[in-house]
């Protein structure tokens, strides 16, 4: 009898928790768009912390090794869009086939973290925040699609 009572109480708690969670999720506005200002505030204040949190996870699941392998394919004048705090920068600097690197990010805070924490050769690396700077307008860039982002059927 006691066992049935305990099982019934447990089931009631689980059911109630599930209903409560369902109501909470249903009340969340999934159509709300994050504004550019909210996004900028997040990246301005979170760059350093984001790298610390993500770095260990990427190392552990092999993403860092995949990024390193991908950067080995870069050649000539190389553009990295959404470079963030420069997590790929050292891989590009280590690549002898890369003669110049242009790193761009829409969030100045991320580029500031990169500028403060790295000392790349100034003649080899340009930091830019689009769309205000014409850093890419005067010389051609080789653009390569990232096969890791493409569906397997078209790789």
N, C-alpha and C. Protein backbone atom coordinates (compact mmCIF):
# COMPACT_ATOMS: atom_id res chain seq x y z
N UNK A 1 0.82 -1.20 0.00
CA UNK A 1 0.00 0.00 0.00
C UNK A 1 0.87 1.26 0.00
N UNK A 2 1.88 1.28 0.89
CA UNK A 2 2.77 2.44 0.98
C UNK A 2 3.53 2.64 -0.33
N UNK A 3 3.94 1.51 -0.93
CA UNK A 3 4.67 1.59 -2.19
C UNK A 3 3.81 2.23 -3.28
N UNK A 4 2.54 1.85 -3.37
CA UNK A 4 1.63 2.43 -4.36
C UNK A 4 1.44 3.92 -4.10
N UNK A 5 1.37 4.29 -2.84
CA UNK A 5 1.20 5.70 -2.48
C UNK A 5 2.42 6.53 -2.89
N UNK A 6 3.62 5.99 -2.64
CA UNK A 6 4.87 6.68 -3.01
C UNK A 6 4.97 6.79 -4.53
N UNK A 7 4.69 5.71 -5.24
CA UNK A 7 4.74 5.74 -6.70
C UNK A 7 3.71 6.73 -7.26
N UNK A 8 2.53 6.74 -6.71
CA UNK A 8 1.49 7.68 -7.16
C UNK A 8 1.90 9.12 -6.91
N UNK A 9 2.49 9.38 -5.73
CA UNK A 9 2.94 10.75 -5.42
C UNK A 9 4.06 11.16 -6.36
N UNK A 10 5.00 10.24 -6.63
CA UNK A 10 6.10 10.54 -7.55
C UNK A 10 5.60 10.84 -8.95
N UNK A 11 4.65 10.04 -9.42
CA UNK A 11 4.08 10.26 -10.74
C UNK A 11 3.36 11.60 -10.81
N UNK A 12 2.67 11.95 -9.75
CA UNK A 12 1.96 13.24 -9.71
C UNK A 12 2.94 14.40 -9.78
N UNK A 13 4.05 14.30 -9.03
CA UNK A 13 5.07 15.36 -9.04
C UNK A 13 5.69 15.48 -10.43
N UNK A 14 6.04 14.35 -11.04
CA UNK A 14 6.62 14.38 -12.38
C UNK A 14 5.64 14.97 -13.40
N UNK A 15 4.39 14.55 -13.33
CA UNK A 15 3.38 15.07 -14.24
C UNK A 15 3.21 16.57 -14.05
N UNK A 16 3.11 17.00 -12.80
CA UNK A 16 2.96 18.43 -12.51
C UNK A 16 4.15 19.24 -12.99
N UNK A 17 5.35 18.69 -12.79
CA UNK A 17 6.55 19.38 -13.28
C UNK A 17 6.56 19.49 -14.78
N UNK A 18 6.14 18.42 -15.45
CA UNK A 18 6.08 18.45 -16.91
C UNK A 18 5.08 19.47 -17.42
N UNK A 19 3.92 19.52 -16.78
CA UNK A 19 2.90 20.51 -17.16
C UNK A 19 3.43 21.92 -16.92
N UNK A 20 4.06 22.13 -15.77
CA UNK A 20 4.62 23.45 -15.47
C UNK A 20 5.67 23.87 -16.48
N UNK A 21 6.55 22.95 -16.85
CA UNK A 21 7.57 23.25 -17.85
C UNK A 21 6.93 23.54 -19.20
N UNK A 22 5.91 22.77 -19.54
CA UNK A 22 5.20 23.01 -20.80
C UNK A 22 4.58 24.39 -20.85
N UNK A 23 3.98 24.81 -19.75
CA UNK A 23 3.38 26.15 -19.69
C UNK A 23 4.46 27.21 -19.83
N UNK A 24 5.59 27.02 -19.16
CA UNK A 24 6.68 27.99 -19.24
C UNK A 24 7.19 28.12 -20.67
N UNK A 25 7.40 26.99 -21.33
CA UNK A 25 7.87 27.01 -22.72
C UNK A 25 6.84 27.67 -23.62
N UNK A 26 5.57 27.37 -23.41
CA UNK A 26 4.50 27.94 -24.23
C UNK A 26 4.42 29.45 -24.07
N UNK A 27 4.78 29.96 -22.90
CA UNK A 27 4.72 31.40 -22.66
C UNK A 27 5.93 32.14 -23.22
N UNK A 28 6.98 31.42 -23.56
CA UNK A 28 8.17 32.05 -24.12
C UNK A 28 7.87 32.51 -25.54
N UNK A 29 8.22 33.73 -25.84
CA UNK A 29 7.96 34.30 -27.16
C UNK A 29 9.08 33.87 -28.11
N UNK A 30 8.86 32.81 -28.85
CA UNK A 30 9.89 32.30 -29.76
C UNK A 30 9.98 33.12 -31.04
N UNK A 31 9.04 34.03 -31.26
CA UNK A 31 9.08 34.86 -32.47
C UNK A 31 9.83 36.16 -32.24
N UNK A 32 10.18 36.44 -30.99
CA UNK A 32 10.88 37.69 -30.67
C UNK A 32 12.26 37.69 -31.33
N UNK A 33 12.56 38.75 -32.04
CA UNK A 33 13.85 38.90 -32.69
C UNK A 33 14.81 39.65 -31.78
N UNK A 34 16.04 39.16 -31.69
CA UNK A 34 17.07 39.85 -30.92
C UNK A 34 17.50 41.06 -31.74
N UNK A 35 17.55 42.22 -31.10
CA UNK A 35 17.93 43.44 -31.82
C UNK A 35 19.44 43.49 -32.00
N UNK A 36 19.89 44.29 -32.96
CA UNK A 36 21.32 44.48 -33.17
C UNK A 36 21.99 45.03 -31.92
N UNK A 37 21.30 45.93 -31.23
CA UNK A 37 21.88 46.51 -30.01
C UNK A 37 22.03 45.45 -28.92
N UNK A 38 21.03 44.58 -28.74
CA UNK A 38 21.14 43.50 -27.75
C UNK A 38 22.29 42.56 -28.08
N UNK A 39 22.42 42.25 -29.36
CA UNK A 39 23.50 41.38 -29.81
C UNK A 39 24.85 42.04 -29.55
N UNK A 40 24.96 43.33 -29.87
CA UNK A 40 26.21 44.06 -29.66
C UNK A 40 26.58 44.12 -28.18
N UNK A 41 25.60 44.36 -27.33
CA UNK A 41 25.85 44.41 -25.88
C UNK A 41 26.36 43.05 -25.40
N UNK A 42 25.76 41.97 -25.87
CA UNK A 42 26.19 40.63 -25.46
C UNK A 42 27.64 40.39 -25.84
N UNK A 43 27.99 40.62 -27.11
CA UNK A 43 29.35 40.33 -27.56
C UNK A 43 30.37 41.30 -26.97
N UNK A 44 29.96 42.54 -26.75
CA UNK A 44 30.87 43.52 -26.15
C UNK A 44 31.26 43.09 -24.73
N UNK A 45 30.31 42.52 -24.02
CA UNK A 45 30.56 42.17 -22.63
C UNK A 45 30.97 40.71 -22.43
N UNK A 46 30.84 39.88 -23.44
CA UNK A 46 31.03 38.44 -23.24
C UNK A 46 32.17 37.80 -24.01
N UNK A 47 32.91 38.56 -24.78
CA UNK A 47 33.95 37.99 -25.63
C UNK A 47 34.93 37.09 -24.91
N UNK A 48 35.54 37.62 -23.87
CA UNK A 48 36.56 36.87 -23.13
C UNK A 48 35.94 35.63 -22.46
N UNK A 49 34.79 35.81 -21.83
CA UNK A 49 34.14 34.70 -21.14
C UNK A 49 33.67 33.63 -22.13
N UNK A 50 33.19 34.06 -23.28
CA UNK A 50 32.72 33.13 -24.30
C UNK A 50 33.86 32.21 -24.73
N UNK A 51 35.02 32.79 -25.02
CA UNK A 51 36.16 31.98 -25.43
C UNK A 51 36.57 30.99 -24.36
N UNK A 52 36.56 31.42 -23.11
CA UNK A 52 36.94 30.53 -22.01
C UNK A 52 35.99 29.35 -21.90
N UNK A 53 34.70 29.59 -22.08
CA UNK A 53 33.70 28.53 -21.97
C UNK A 53 33.75 27.59 -23.18
N UNK A 54 33.87 28.18 -24.35
CA UNK A 54 33.79 27.40 -25.58
C UNK A 54 35.10 26.66 -25.87
N UNK A 55 36.23 27.26 -25.50
CA UNK A 55 37.53 26.68 -25.83
C UNK A 55 37.71 25.25 -25.35
N UNK A 56 37.42 25.00 -24.09
CA UNK A 56 37.60 23.66 -23.54
C UNK A 56 36.67 22.66 -24.23
N UNK A 57 35.45 23.07 -24.49
CA UNK A 57 34.49 22.18 -25.16
C UNK A 57 34.96 21.87 -26.58
N UNK A 58 35.45 22.88 -27.30
CA UNK A 58 35.92 22.66 -28.67
C UNK A 58 37.14 21.76 -28.69
N UNK A 59 38.04 21.94 -27.73
CA UNK A 59 39.22 21.07 -27.66
C UNK A 59 38.80 19.63 -27.42
N UNK A 60 37.86 19.45 -26.51
CA UNK A 60 37.43 18.11 -26.13
C UNK A 60 36.68 17.35 -27.21
N UNK A 61 35.92 18.07 -28.04
CA UNK A 61 35.13 17.35 -29.05
C UNK A 61 35.72 17.43 -30.45
N UNK A 62 36.94 17.92 -30.57
CA UNK A 62 37.64 17.88 -31.85
C UNK A 62 37.41 19.05 -32.78
N UNK A 63 36.62 20.03 -32.38
CA UNK A 63 36.35 21.17 -33.26
C UNK A 63 37.61 22.00 -33.48
N UNK A 64 38.44 22.16 -32.46
CA UNK A 64 39.68 22.92 -32.61
C UNK A 64 40.57 22.27 -33.67
N UNK A 65 40.68 20.97 -33.64
CA UNK A 65 41.49 20.26 -34.64
C UNK A 65 40.90 20.43 -36.03
N UNK A 66 39.57 20.44 -36.14
CA UNK A 66 38.93 20.65 -37.44
C UNK A 66 39.18 22.07 -37.95
N UNK A 67 39.12 23.06 -37.04
CA UNK A 67 39.39 24.44 -37.46
C UNK A 67 40.83 24.58 -37.92
N UNK A 68 41.76 23.95 -37.22
CA UNK A 68 43.17 24.00 -37.60
C UNK A 68 43.37 23.38 -38.98
N UNK A 69 42.73 22.24 -39.23
CA UNK A 69 42.84 21.58 -40.53
C UNK A 69 42.24 22.44 -41.63
N UNK A 70 41.12 23.09 -41.35
CA UNK A 70 40.48 23.96 -42.33
C UNK A 70 41.36 25.16 -42.66
N UNK A 71 41.99 25.76 -41.66
CA UNK A 71 42.84 26.93 -41.89
C UNK A 71 44.10 26.57 -42.67
N UNK A 72 44.48 25.30 -42.67
CA UNK A 72 45.64 24.86 -43.45
C UNK A 72 45.39 24.99 -44.95
N UNK A 73 44.13 25.12 -45.37
CA UNK A 73 43.80 25.26 -46.79
C UNK A 73 43.85 26.71 -47.26
N UNK A 74 44.01 27.65 -46.36
CA UNK A 74 44.02 29.07 -46.74
C UNK A 74 45.27 29.38 -47.55
N UNK A 75 45.14 30.33 -48.48
CA UNK A 75 46.26 30.73 -49.34
C UNK A 75 46.18 32.22 -49.60
N UNK A 76 47.33 32.86 -49.83
CA UNK A 76 47.38 34.25 -50.26
C UNK A 76 46.81 35.21 -49.25
N UNK A 77 46.01 36.14 -49.75
CA UNK A 77 45.33 37.12 -48.90
C UNK A 77 44.04 36.47 -48.43
N UNK A 78 43.90 36.30 -47.13
CA UNK A 78 42.81 35.51 -46.57
C UNK A 78 41.89 36.37 -45.73
N UNK A 79 40.60 36.23 -45.96
CA UNK A 79 39.57 36.95 -45.23
C UNK A 79 38.86 35.99 -44.30
N UNK A 80 38.77 36.35 -43.03
CA UNK A 80 37.91 35.59 -42.11
C UNK A 80 36.78 36.50 -41.68
N UNK A 81 35.57 36.12 -42.03
CA UNK A 81 34.38 36.87 -41.67
C UNK A 81 33.89 36.35 -40.33
N UNK A 82 33.43 37.26 -39.47
CA UNK A 82 32.98 36.90 -38.12
C UNK A 82 34.12 36.24 -37.35
N UNK A 83 35.27 36.90 -37.35
CA UNK A 83 36.48 36.36 -36.73
C UNK A 83 36.42 36.34 -35.21
N UNK A 84 35.47 37.08 -34.64
CA UNK A 84 35.34 37.08 -33.18
C UNK A 84 36.60 37.57 -32.50
N UNK A 85 37.08 36.79 -31.56
CA UNK A 85 38.28 37.18 -30.81
C UNK A 85 39.54 36.57 -31.41
N UNK A 86 39.43 36.00 -32.59
CA UNK A 86 40.61 35.50 -33.29
C UNK A 86 41.00 34.07 -32.95
N UNK A 87 40.03 33.23 -32.74
CA UNK A 87 40.34 31.84 -32.36
C UNK A 87 41.07 31.09 -33.48
N UNK A 88 40.94 31.55 -34.72
CA UNK A 88 41.66 30.90 -35.84
C UNK A 88 42.95 31.62 -36.20
N UNK A 89 43.22 32.75 -35.59
CA UNK A 89 44.35 33.58 -36.01
C UNK A 89 45.68 32.84 -35.96
N UNK A 90 45.98 32.15 -34.88
CA UNK A 90 47.27 31.47 -34.79
C UNK A 90 47.42 30.40 -35.86
N UNK A 91 46.32 29.72 -36.19
CA UNK A 91 46.38 28.71 -37.26
C UNK A 91 46.72 29.37 -38.59
N UNK A 92 46.18 30.55 -38.84
CA UNK A 92 46.47 31.27 -40.08
C UNK A 92 47.90 31.79 -40.08
N UNK A 93 48.38 32.30 -38.93
CA UNK A 93 49.75 32.79 -38.84
C UNK A 93 50.76 31.66 -39.03
N UNK A 94 50.42 30.47 -38.60
CA UNK A 94 51.31 29.31 -38.75
C UNK A 94 51.34 28.77 -40.18
N UNK A 95 50.41 29.19 -41.02
CA UNK A 95 50.30 28.70 -42.39
C UNK A 95 51.21 29.54 -43.29
N UNK A 96 52.27 28.95 -43.80
CA UNK A 96 53.24 29.69 -44.62
C UNK A 96 52.67 30.10 -45.98
N UNK A 97 51.54 29.54 -46.39
CA UNK A 97 50.92 29.91 -47.66
C UNK A 97 50.04 31.16 -47.55
N UNK A 98 49.84 31.65 -46.34
CA UNK A 98 49.03 32.86 -46.13
C UNK A 98 49.98 34.04 -46.04
N UNK A 99 49.81 35.02 -46.94
CA UNK A 99 50.70 36.18 -46.91
C UNK A 99 50.08 37.37 -46.20
N UNK A 100 48.75 37.43 -46.16
CA UNK A 100 48.07 38.53 -45.49
C UNK A 100 46.72 38.03 -44.97
N UNK A 101 46.33 38.54 -43.80
CA UNK A 101 45.09 38.10 -43.17
C UNK A 101 44.23 39.32 -42.89
N UNK A 102 42.98 39.27 -43.31
CA UNK A 102 42.00 40.30 -42.98
C UNK A 102 40.96 39.64 -42.09
N UNK A 103 40.85 40.13 -40.86
CA UNK A 103 39.88 39.60 -39.91
C UNK A 103 38.80 40.65 -39.71
N UNK A 104 37.56 40.25 -39.84
CA UNK A 104 36.47 41.20 -39.69
C UNK A 104 35.41 40.63 -38.75
N UNK A 105 34.78 41.50 -38.01
CA UNK A 105 33.68 41.10 -37.14
C UNK A 105 32.78 42.30 -36.98
N UNK A 106 31.49 42.07 -36.90
CA UNK A 106 30.52 43.16 -36.76
C UNK A 106 30.54 43.78 -35.37
N UNK A 107 31.18 43.11 -34.42
CA UNK A 107 31.15 43.57 -33.03
C UNK A 107 32.54 44.03 -32.59
N UNK A 108 32.67 45.31 -32.39
CA UNK A 108 33.94 45.91 -32.03
C UNK A 108 34.53 45.29 -30.77
N UNK A 109 33.69 44.91 -29.81
CA UNK A 109 34.17 44.30 -28.57
C UNK A 109 34.96 43.03 -28.81
N UNK A 110 34.54 42.23 -29.77
CA UNK A 110 35.26 40.99 -30.08
C UNK A 110 36.62 41.31 -30.67
N UNK A 111 36.67 42.27 -31.61
CA UNK A 111 37.94 42.65 -32.20
C UNK A 111 38.86 43.27 -31.16
N UNK A 112 38.28 43.99 -30.20
CA UNK A 112 39.09 44.61 -29.15
C UNK A 112 39.75 43.54 -28.28
N UNK A 113 39.02 42.49 -27.95
CA UNK A 113 39.61 41.38 -27.20
C UNK A 113 40.77 40.80 -27.99
N UNK A 114 40.57 40.59 -29.29
CA UNK A 114 41.63 40.04 -30.13
C UNK A 114 42.85 40.97 -30.15
N UNK A 115 42.62 42.25 -30.34
CA UNK A 115 43.72 43.21 -30.41
C UNK A 115 44.49 43.27 -29.10
N UNK A 116 43.81 43.13 -27.98
CA UNK A 116 44.46 43.20 -26.67
C UNK A 116 45.21 41.93 -26.31
N UNK A 117 44.79 40.80 -26.84
CA UNK A 117 45.36 39.52 -26.40
C UNK A 117 46.30 38.88 -27.40
N UNK A 118 46.44 39.44 -28.59
CA UNK A 118 47.35 38.86 -29.57
C UNK A 118 48.28 39.93 -30.09
N UNK A 119 49.42 39.51 -30.56
CA UNK A 119 50.37 40.44 -31.15
C UNK A 119 50.83 39.91 -32.50
N UNK A 120 49.91 39.87 -33.46
CA UNK A 120 50.30 39.40 -34.79
C UNK A 120 51.15 40.46 -35.48
N UNK A 121 51.95 40.05 -36.45
CA UNK A 121 52.73 41.03 -37.21
C UNK A 121 51.79 42.03 -37.89
N UNK A 122 51.96 43.30 -37.61
CA UNK A 122 51.05 44.32 -38.13
C UNK A 122 51.02 44.33 -39.65
N UNK A 123 52.12 43.97 -40.28
CA UNK A 123 52.15 43.98 -41.75
C UNK A 123 51.35 42.83 -42.34
N UNK A 124 51.01 41.84 -41.53
CA UNK A 124 50.33 40.66 -42.05
C UNK A 124 48.85 40.61 -41.71
N UNK A 125 48.40 41.34 -40.69
CA UNK A 125 47.03 41.22 -40.21
C UNK A 125 46.34 42.57 -40.18
N UNK A 126 45.12 42.63 -40.71
CA UNK A 126 44.29 43.84 -40.63
C UNK A 126 43.00 43.47 -39.91
N UNK A 127 42.61 44.30 -38.94
CA UNK A 127 41.34 44.11 -38.24
C UNK A 127 40.36 45.12 -38.80
N UNK A 128 39.13 44.71 -39.01
CA UNK A 128 38.15 45.61 -39.61
C UNK A 128 36.77 45.34 -39.04
N UNK A 129 36.01 46.42 -38.92
CA UNK A 129 34.62 46.29 -38.50
C UNK A 129 33.75 46.83 -39.64
N UNK A 130 33.08 45.96 -40.40
CA UNK A 130 32.26 46.43 -41.51
C UNK A 130 31.02 47.13 -40.99
N UNK A 131 30.30 47.87 -41.76
CA UNK A 131 30.55 48.14 -43.17
C UNK A 131 31.31 49.45 -43.38
N UNK A 132 31.89 50.02 -42.35
CA UNK A 132 32.46 51.36 -42.45
C UNK A 132 33.81 51.43 -43.13
N UNK A 133 34.55 50.35 -43.18
CA UNK A 133 35.90 50.42 -43.72
C UNK A 133 36.01 49.75 -45.08
N UNK A 134 36.76 50.35 -45.98
CA UNK A 134 36.94 49.78 -47.32
C UNK A 134 38.16 48.86 -47.41
N UNK A 135 38.53 48.18 -46.33
CA UNK A 135 39.78 47.43 -46.31
C UNK A 135 39.85 46.37 -47.41
N UNK A 136 38.73 45.86 -47.87
CA UNK A 136 38.74 44.80 -48.88
C UNK A 136 38.46 45.30 -50.29
N UNK A 137 38.22 46.57 -50.46
CA UNK A 137 37.80 47.07 -51.77
C UNK A 137 38.91 47.18 -52.80
N UNK A 138 40.16 47.30 -52.36
CA UNK A 138 41.21 47.61 -53.32
C UNK A 138 41.94 46.41 -53.90
N UNK A 139 41.84 45.24 -53.27
CA UNK A 139 42.57 44.07 -53.75
C UNK A 139 41.67 42.84 -53.74
N UNK A 140 41.88 41.92 -54.68
CA UNK A 140 41.02 40.73 -54.72
C UNK A 140 41.31 39.77 -53.58
N UNK A 141 40.30 39.08 -53.16
CA UNK A 141 40.41 38.05 -52.12
C UNK A 141 39.99 36.71 -52.71
N UNK A 142 40.62 35.66 -52.28
CA UNK A 142 40.18 34.32 -52.66
C UNK A 142 39.16 33.87 -51.62
N UNK A 143 37.98 33.58 -52.06
CA UNK A 143 36.92 33.15 -51.14
C UNK A 143 36.67 31.67 -51.37
N UNK A 144 36.72 30.89 -50.30
CA UNK A 144 36.47 29.46 -50.39
C UNK A 144 35.29 29.09 -49.50
N UNK A 145 34.40 28.26 -49.98
CA UNK A 145 33.32 27.81 -49.10
C UNK A 145 33.88 26.86 -48.05
N UNK A 146 33.28 26.86 -46.90
CA UNK A 146 33.69 25.96 -45.83
C UNK A 146 32.93 24.65 -45.98
N UNK A 147 33.59 23.56 -46.36
CA UNK A 147 32.86 22.31 -46.59
C UNK A 147 32.20 21.76 -45.33
N UNK A 148 32.69 22.16 -44.15
CA UNK A 148 32.08 21.67 -42.92
C UNK A 148 30.68 22.24 -42.74
N UNK A 149 30.37 23.35 -43.40
CA UNK A 149 29.08 23.99 -43.25
C UNK A 149 28.10 23.58 -44.35
N UNK A 150 28.60 22.91 -45.38
CA UNK A 150 27.75 22.51 -46.49
C UNK A 150 27.15 21.13 -46.24
N UNK A 151 25.95 20.89 -46.74
CA UNK A 151 25.37 19.55 -46.61
C UNK A 151 26.26 18.51 -47.30
N UNK A 152 26.35 17.33 -46.75
CA UNK A 152 27.21 16.28 -47.31
C UNK A 152 26.90 16.02 -48.80
N UNK A 153 25.66 16.18 -49.19
CA UNK A 153 25.28 15.86 -50.57
C UNK A 153 25.94 16.78 -51.59
N UNK A 154 26.39 17.96 -51.20
CA UNK A 154 27.00 18.87 -52.18
C UNK A 154 28.47 19.18 -51.87
N UNK A 155 29.07 18.48 -50.91
CA UNK A 155 30.47 18.74 -50.57
C UNK A 155 31.35 18.42 -51.71
